[in-house]
Amino acid sequence: MKFFFYICILLCVALSLVSGNCSGKCPDTEEVVWALGGGCSVFRNKCYFDKENCHRKPALTITTKRECQRHCPDICTAVYQPTSGIYNGKVLNFGNECEKRAYTCRTGQTFL
């Protein structure tokens, strides 16, 4: 009986570690993670990737930069809904969120 109890505890601990960081703040360190799942997604680091995967079904999968960039959007709609992002202290402006994602996909620059 004790053995079964210890196995259950071990399993619970292991599952809690696998779930990733679903809450809390991620560090600003830039260790880019490239992921596929309905296109190429680029994350500042593994923490941001894990947070995104907490609520995605199916989950994104980590891949290489080269493979991911094959799935970057080529064309965005002409709908003007301006957005911006800060990279290395510099503000970059985009016509819409699609243009921002396409830029990130091509360059690997992630915004805060």
N, C-alpha and C. Protein backbone atom coordinates (compact mmCIF):
# COMPACT_ATOMS: atom_id res chain seq x y z
N MET A 1 0.82 -1.19 0.00
CA MET A 1 0.00 0.00 0.00
C MET A 1 0.87 1.27 0.00
N LYS A 2 1.95 1.23 0.80
CA LYS A 2 2.85 2.39 0.83
C LYS A 2 3.48 2.61 -0.53
N PHE A 3 3.82 1.53 -1.21
CA PHE A 3 4.43 1.63 -2.53
C PHE A 3 3.48 2.36 -3.50
N PHE A 4 2.21 2.00 -3.48
CA PHE A 4 1.21 2.63 -4.33
C PHE A 4 1.10 4.12 -4.01
N PHE A 5 1.11 4.46 -2.74
CA PHE A 5 1.04 5.85 -2.31
C PHE A 5 2.24 6.65 -2.83
N TYR A 6 3.43 6.09 -2.72
CA TYR A 6 4.64 6.75 -3.20
C TYR A 6 4.62 6.93 -4.72
N ILE A 7 4.12 5.94 -5.41
CA ILE A 7 4.00 6.05 -6.87
C ILE A 7 3.04 7.17 -7.25
N CYS A 8 1.92 7.28 -6.54
CA CYS A 8 0.95 8.36 -6.80
C CYS A 8 1.56 9.73 -6.55
N ILE A 9 2.30 9.86 -5.47
CA ILE A 9 2.96 11.14 -5.16
C ILE A 9 3.97 11.48 -6.25
N LEU A 10 4.76 10.53 -6.64
CA LEU A 10 5.76 10.73 -7.69
C LEU A 10 5.10 11.14 -9.00
N LEU A 11 4.02 10.50 -9.35
CA LEU A 11 3.29 10.82 -10.58
C LEU A 11 2.73 12.24 -10.52
N CYS A 12 2.17 12.63 -9.41
CA CYS A 12 1.64 14.00 -9.26
C CYS A 12 2.73 15.04 -9.41
N VAL A 13 3.87 14.81 -8.80
CA VAL A 13 4.99 15.74 -8.92
C VAL A 13 5.46 15.83 -10.36
N ALA A 14 5.58 14.70 -11.02
CA ALA A 14 6.03 14.68 -12.42
C ALA A 14 5.05 15.44 -13.31
N LEU A 15 3.76 15.23 -13.13
CA LEU A 15 2.76 15.91 -13.95
C LEU A 15 2.76 17.41 -13.71
N SER A 16 3.00 17.83 -12.49
CA SER A 16 3.03 19.27 -12.21
C SER A 16 4.23 19.93 -12.90
N LEU A 17 5.32 19.21 -13.05
CA LEU A 17 6.49 19.76 -13.73
C LEU A 17 6.29 19.81 -15.24
N VAL A 18 5.57 18.86 -15.80
CA VAL A 18 5.34 18.80 -17.24
C VAL A 18 4.41 19.89 -17.71
N SER A 19 3.49 20.32 -16.87
CA SER A 19 2.47 21.28 -17.28
C SER A 19 3.05 22.63 -17.68
N GLY A 20 4.28 22.93 -17.29
CA GLY A 20 4.91 24.18 -17.68
C GLY A 20 4.45 25.34 -16.82
N ASN A 21 4.89 26.53 -17.18
CA ASN A 21 4.58 27.73 -16.44
C ASN A 21 3.32 28.35 -17.02
N CYS A 22 2.17 28.09 -16.40
CA CYS A 22 0.90 28.59 -16.92
C CYS A 22 0.49 29.90 -16.28
N SER A 23 1.13 30.29 -15.23
CA SER A 23 0.81 31.56 -14.59
C SER A 23 2.13 32.19 -14.13
N GLY A 24 2.02 33.41 -13.75
CA GLY A 24 3.23 34.10 -13.31
C GLY A 24 3.90 34.83 -14.45
N LYS A 25 4.95 35.52 -14.12
CA LYS A 25 5.66 36.36 -15.09
C LYS A 25 6.84 35.60 -15.70
N CYS A 26 7.03 35.79 -16.98
CA CYS A 26 8.17 35.18 -17.66
C CYS A 26 9.33 36.18 -17.67
N PRO A 27 10.55 35.68 -17.69
CA PRO A 27 11.71 36.58 -17.77
C PRO A 27 11.79 37.22 -19.16
N ASP A 28 12.43 38.37 -19.25
CA ASP A 28 12.56 39.07 -20.52
C ASP A 28 13.71 38.57 -21.37
N THR A 29 14.46 37.59 -20.88
CA THR A 29 15.60 37.09 -21.63
C THR A 29 15.16 36.57 -22.99
N GLU A 30 15.98 36.85 -24.00
CA GLU A 30 15.64 36.44 -25.35
C GLU A 30 16.40 35.18 -25.73
N GLU A 31 15.69 34.07 -25.69
CA GLU A 31 16.18 32.77 -26.15
C GLU A 31 15.07 32.21 -27.03
N VAL A 32 15.01 32.71 -28.25
CA VAL A 32 13.88 32.51 -29.16
C VAL A 32 13.52 31.04 -29.33
N VAL A 33 12.21 30.77 -29.25
CA VAL A 33 11.67 29.44 -29.48
C VAL A 33 10.77 29.52 -30.71
N TRP A 34 11.03 28.66 -31.67
CA TRP A 34 10.26 28.57 -32.91
C TRP A 34 9.31 27.40 -32.78
N ALA A 35 8.04 27.61 -33.15
CA ALA A 35 7.04 26.55 -32.96
C ALA A 35 6.07 26.50 -34.13
N LEU A 36 5.58 25.31 -34.39
CA LEU A 36 4.59 25.09 -35.45
C LEU A 36 3.27 24.63 -34.85
N GLY A 37 2.21 24.99 -35.55
CA GLY A 37 0.86 24.61 -35.18
C GLY A 37 -0.08 25.63 -35.79
N GLY A 38 -0.53 25.39 -37.00
CA GLY A 38 -1.34 26.39 -37.68
C GLY A 38 -0.50 27.55 -38.20
N GLY A 39 0.74 27.31 -38.53
CA GLY A 39 1.67 28.33 -38.98
C GLY A 39 2.85 28.41 -38.04
N CYS A 40 3.72 29.35 -38.32
CA CYS A 40 4.92 29.53 -37.51
C CYS A 40 4.63 30.54 -36.40
N SER A 41 5.00 30.18 -35.19
CA SER A 41 4.88 31.09 -34.04
C SER A 41 6.25 31.25 -33.43
N VAL A 42 6.56 32.47 -33.02
CA VAL A 42 7.88 32.78 -32.46
C VAL A 42 7.68 33.33 -31.05
N PHE A 43 8.41 32.78 -30.09
CA PHE A 43 8.28 33.18 -28.70
C PHE A 43 9.63 33.67 -28.19
N ARG A 44 9.58 34.63 -27.29
CA ARG A 44 10.79 35.23 -26.72
C ARG A 44 11.65 34.20 -26.01
N ASN A 45 11.01 33.26 -25.31
CA ASN A 45 11.74 32.19 -24.63
C ASN A 45 10.77 31.05 -24.31
N LYS A 46 11.28 29.99 -23.73
CA LYS A 46 10.48 28.79 -23.47
C LYS A 46 9.33 29.07 -22.51
N CYS A 47 9.50 29.99 -21.59
CA CYS A 47 8.43 30.33 -20.65
C CYS A 47 7.21 30.86 -21.40
N TYR A 48 7.40 31.77 -22.35
CA TYR A 48 6.28 32.30 -23.13
C TYR A 48 5.66 31.19 -23.98
N PHE A 49 6.46 30.31 -24.52
CA PHE A 49 5.96 29.17 -25.29
C PHE A 49 5.08 28.29 -24.40
N ASP A 50 5.58 27.96 -23.20
CA ASP A 50 4.81 27.12 -22.27
C ASP A 50 3.48 27.77 -21.89
N LYS A 51 3.50 29.07 -21.65
CA LYS A 51 2.26 29.77 -21.29
C LYS A 51 1.24 29.69 -22.42
N GLU A 52 1.69 29.85 -23.65
CA GLU A 52 0.78 29.75 -24.79
C GLU A 52 0.21 28.35 -24.91
N ASN A 53 1.04 27.34 -24.69
CA ASN A 53 0.59 25.96 -24.82
C ASN A 53 -0.36 25.53 -23.71
N CYS A 54 -0.42 26.28 -22.61
CA CYS A 54 -1.33 25.93 -21.52
C CYS A 54 -2.78 25.95 -21.95
N HIS A 55 -3.12 26.77 -22.92
CA HIS A 55 -4.52 26.87 -23.33
C HIS A 55 -4.74 26.55 -24.82
N ARG A 56 -3.77 25.95 -25.47
CA ARG A 56 -3.91 25.60 -26.89
C ARG A 56 -4.21 24.12 -27.05
N LYS A 57 -5.17 23.83 -27.88
CA LYS A 57 -5.48 22.45 -28.27
C LYS A 57 -5.66 22.44 -29.77
N PRO A 58 -4.86 21.75 -30.54
CA PRO A 58 -3.69 20.98 -30.13
C PRO A 58 -2.53 21.91 -29.80
N ALA A 59 -1.62 21.39 -29.04
CA ALA A 59 -0.47 22.17 -28.58
C ALA A 59 0.49 22.46 -29.73
N LEU A 60 1.22 23.56 -29.60
CA LEU A 60 2.29 23.88 -30.54
C LEU A 60 3.46 22.94 -30.29
N THR A 61 4.26 22.73 -31.33
CA THR A 61 5.46 21.90 -31.18
C THR A 61 6.69 22.72 -31.55
N ILE A 62 7.73 22.57 -30.78
CA ILE A 62 8.98 23.28 -31.04
C ILE A 62 9.64 22.71 -32.29
N THR A 63 10.18 23.59 -33.10
CA THR A 63 10.84 23.19 -34.34
C THR A 63 12.07 24.08 -34.55
N THR A 64 12.67 23.95 -35.70
CA THR A 64 13.83 24.78 -36.03
C THR A 64 13.38 26.08 -36.69
N LYS A 65 14.26 27.06 -36.66
CA LYS A 65 13.98 28.34 -37.30
C LYS A 65 13.71 28.13 -38.79
N ARG A 66 14.54 27.33 -39.41
CA ARG A 66 14.42 27.10 -40.85
C ARG A 66 13.07 26.48 -41.22
N GLU A 67 12.67 25.46 -40.48
CA GLU A 67 11.39 24.80 -40.76
C GLU A 67 10.23 25.75 -40.49
N CYS A 68 10.30 26.47 -39.40
CA CYS A 68 9.22 27.39 -39.03
C CYS A 68 9.04 28.48 -40.09
N GLN A 69 10.15 29.04 -40.56
CA GLN A 69 10.06 30.15 -41.50
C GLN A 69 9.46 29.73 -42.84
N ARG A 70 9.39 28.46 -43.11
CA ARG A 70 8.69 27.99 -44.32
C ARG A 70 7.19 28.26 -44.22
N HIS A 71 6.71 28.51 -43.00
CA HIS A 71 5.28 28.69 -42.76
C HIS A 71 4.93 30.13 -42.38
N CYS A 72 5.85 31.07 -42.61
CA CYS A 72 5.57 32.47 -42.32
C CYS A 72 4.50 32.99 -43.29
N PRO A 73 3.62 33.87 -42.81
CA PRO A 73 2.62 34.44 -43.73
C PRO A 73 3.29 35.31 -44.78
N ASP A 74 2.84 35.17 -46.02
CA ASP A 74 3.37 35.97 -47.12
C ASP A 74 2.51 37.20 -47.40
N ILE A 75 1.21 37.05 -47.16
CA ILE A 75 0.27 38.11 -47.49
C ILE A 75 -0.61 38.38 -46.28
N CYS A 76 -0.81 39.65 -45.98
CA CYS A 76 -1.72 40.06 -44.91
C CYS A 76 -2.84 40.90 -45.52
N THR A 77 -3.96 40.94 -44.84
CA THR A 77 -5.07 41.77 -45.32
C THR A 77 -4.67 43.24 -45.26
N ALA A 78 -5.35 44.06 -46.04
CA ALA A 78 -5.05 45.48 -46.08
C ALA A 78 -5.85 46.25 -45.02
N VAL A 79 -6.44 45.56 -44.08
CA VAL A 79 -7.20 46.21 -43.03
C VAL A 79 -6.24 46.95 -42.10
N TYR A 80 -6.46 48.24 -41.94
CA TYR A 80 -5.58 49.05 -41.12
C TYR A 80 -6.07 49.06 -39.68
N GLN A 81 -5.37 48.33 -38.84
CA GLN A 81 -5.62 48.30 -37.40
C GLN A 81 -4.24 48.38 -36.75
N PRO A 82 -3.70 49.59 -36.64
CA PRO A 82 -2.31 49.76 -36.23
C PRO A 82 -1.97 49.12 -34.89
N THR A 83 -0.77 48.58 -34.84
CA THR A 83 -0.23 48.00 -33.63
C THR A 83 1.27 48.27 -33.62
N SER A 84 1.87 48.07 -32.49
CA SER A 84 3.31 48.32 -32.40
C SER A 84 3.94 47.33 -31.44
N GLY A 85 5.25 47.32 -31.42
CA GLY A 85 5.99 46.47 -30.50
C GLY A 85 7.32 47.12 -30.17
N ILE A 86 7.86 46.78 -29.01
CA ILE A 86 9.15 47.32 -28.59
C ILE A 86 10.18 46.20 -28.65
N TYR A 87 11.24 46.46 -29.39
CA TYR A 87 12.34 45.51 -29.49
C TYR A 87 13.64 46.26 -29.24
N ASN A 88 14.39 45.83 -28.22
CA ASN A 88 15.65 46.48 -27.84
C ASN A 88 15.48 47.99 -27.65
N GLY A 89 14.38 48.38 -27.03
CA GLY A 89 14.13 49.79 -26.74
C GLY A 89 13.62 50.61 -27.90
N LYS A 90 13.45 50.01 -29.05
CA LYS A 90 12.99 50.73 -30.24
C LYS A 90 11.55 50.33 -30.54
N VAL A 91 10.68 51.32 -30.76
CA VAL A 91 9.28 51.05 -31.09
C VAL A 91 9.15 50.85 -32.60
N LEU A 92 8.53 49.74 -32.99
CA LEU A 92 8.26 49.46 -34.40
C LEU A 92 6.74 49.46 -34.59
N ASN A 93 6.28 50.11 -35.63
CA ASN A 93 4.85 50.21 -35.92
C ASN A 93 4.48 49.35 -37.12
N PHE A 94 3.28 48.77 -37.05
CA PHE A 94 2.78 47.89 -38.11
C PHE A 94 1.34 48.27 -38.43
N GLY A 95 0.94 47.98 -39.67
CA GLY A 95 -0.43 48.29 -40.10
C GLY A 95 -1.48 47.43 -39.43
N ASN A 96 -1.12 46.21 -39.06
CA ASN A 96 -2.05 45.33 -38.34
C ASN A 96 -1.25 44.19 -37.68
N GLU A 97 -1.95 43.38 -36.92
CA GLU A 97 -1.31 42.30 -36.17
C GLU A 97 -0.67 41.26 -37.09
N CYS A 98 -1.27 41.00 -38.25
CA CYS A 98 -0.70 40.05 -39.21
C CYS A 98 0.67 40.51 -39.69
N GLU A 99 0.80 41.80 -40.00
CA GLU A 99 2.10 42.33 -40.44
C GLU A 99 3.15 42.20 -39.33
N LYS A 100 2.73 42.40 -38.11
CA LYS A 100 3.64 42.26 -36.96
C LYS A 100 4.10 40.81 -36.82
N ARG A 101 3.17 39.86 -36.91
CA ARG A 101 3.53 38.44 -36.82
C ARG A 101 4.42 38.01 -37.97
N ALA A 102 4.15 38.51 -39.18
CA ALA A 102 4.98 38.18 -40.34
C ALA A 102 6.39 38.71 -40.16
N TYR A 103 6.52 39.92 -39.65
CA TYR A 103 7.83 40.51 -39.39
C TYR A 103 8.60 39.68 -38.37
N THR A 104 7.93 39.31 -37.28
CA THR A 104 8.54 38.49 -36.24
C THR A 104 8.97 37.14 -36.81
N CYS A 105 8.15 36.57 -37.66
CA CYS A 105 8.46 35.27 -38.26
C CYS A 105 9.69 35.36 -39.16
N ARG A 106 9.81 36.42 -39.93
CA ARG A 106 10.96 36.57 -40.83
C ARG A 106 12.25 36.91 -40.09
N THR A 107 12.15 37.70 -39.01
CA THR A 107 13.35 38.21 -38.34
C THR A 107 13.71 37.49 -37.05
N GLY A 108 12.72 36.92 -36.39
CA GLY A 108 12.95 36.31 -35.08
C GLY A 108 12.98 37.33 -33.96
N GLN A 109 12.67 38.59 -34.27
CA GLN A 109 12.65 39.62 -33.25
C GLN A 109 11.32 39.52 -32.49
N THR A 110 11.41 39.31 -31.19
CA THR A 110 10.22 39.20 -30.36
C THR A 110 10.01 40.49 -29.59
N PHE A 111 8.78 40.89 -29.42
CA PHE A 111 8.45 42.17 -28.81
C PHE A 111 8.00 42.02 -27.38
N LEU A 112 8.30 43.04 -26.59
CA LEU A 112 7.83 43.10 -25.20
C LEU A 112 6.55 43.89 -25.14
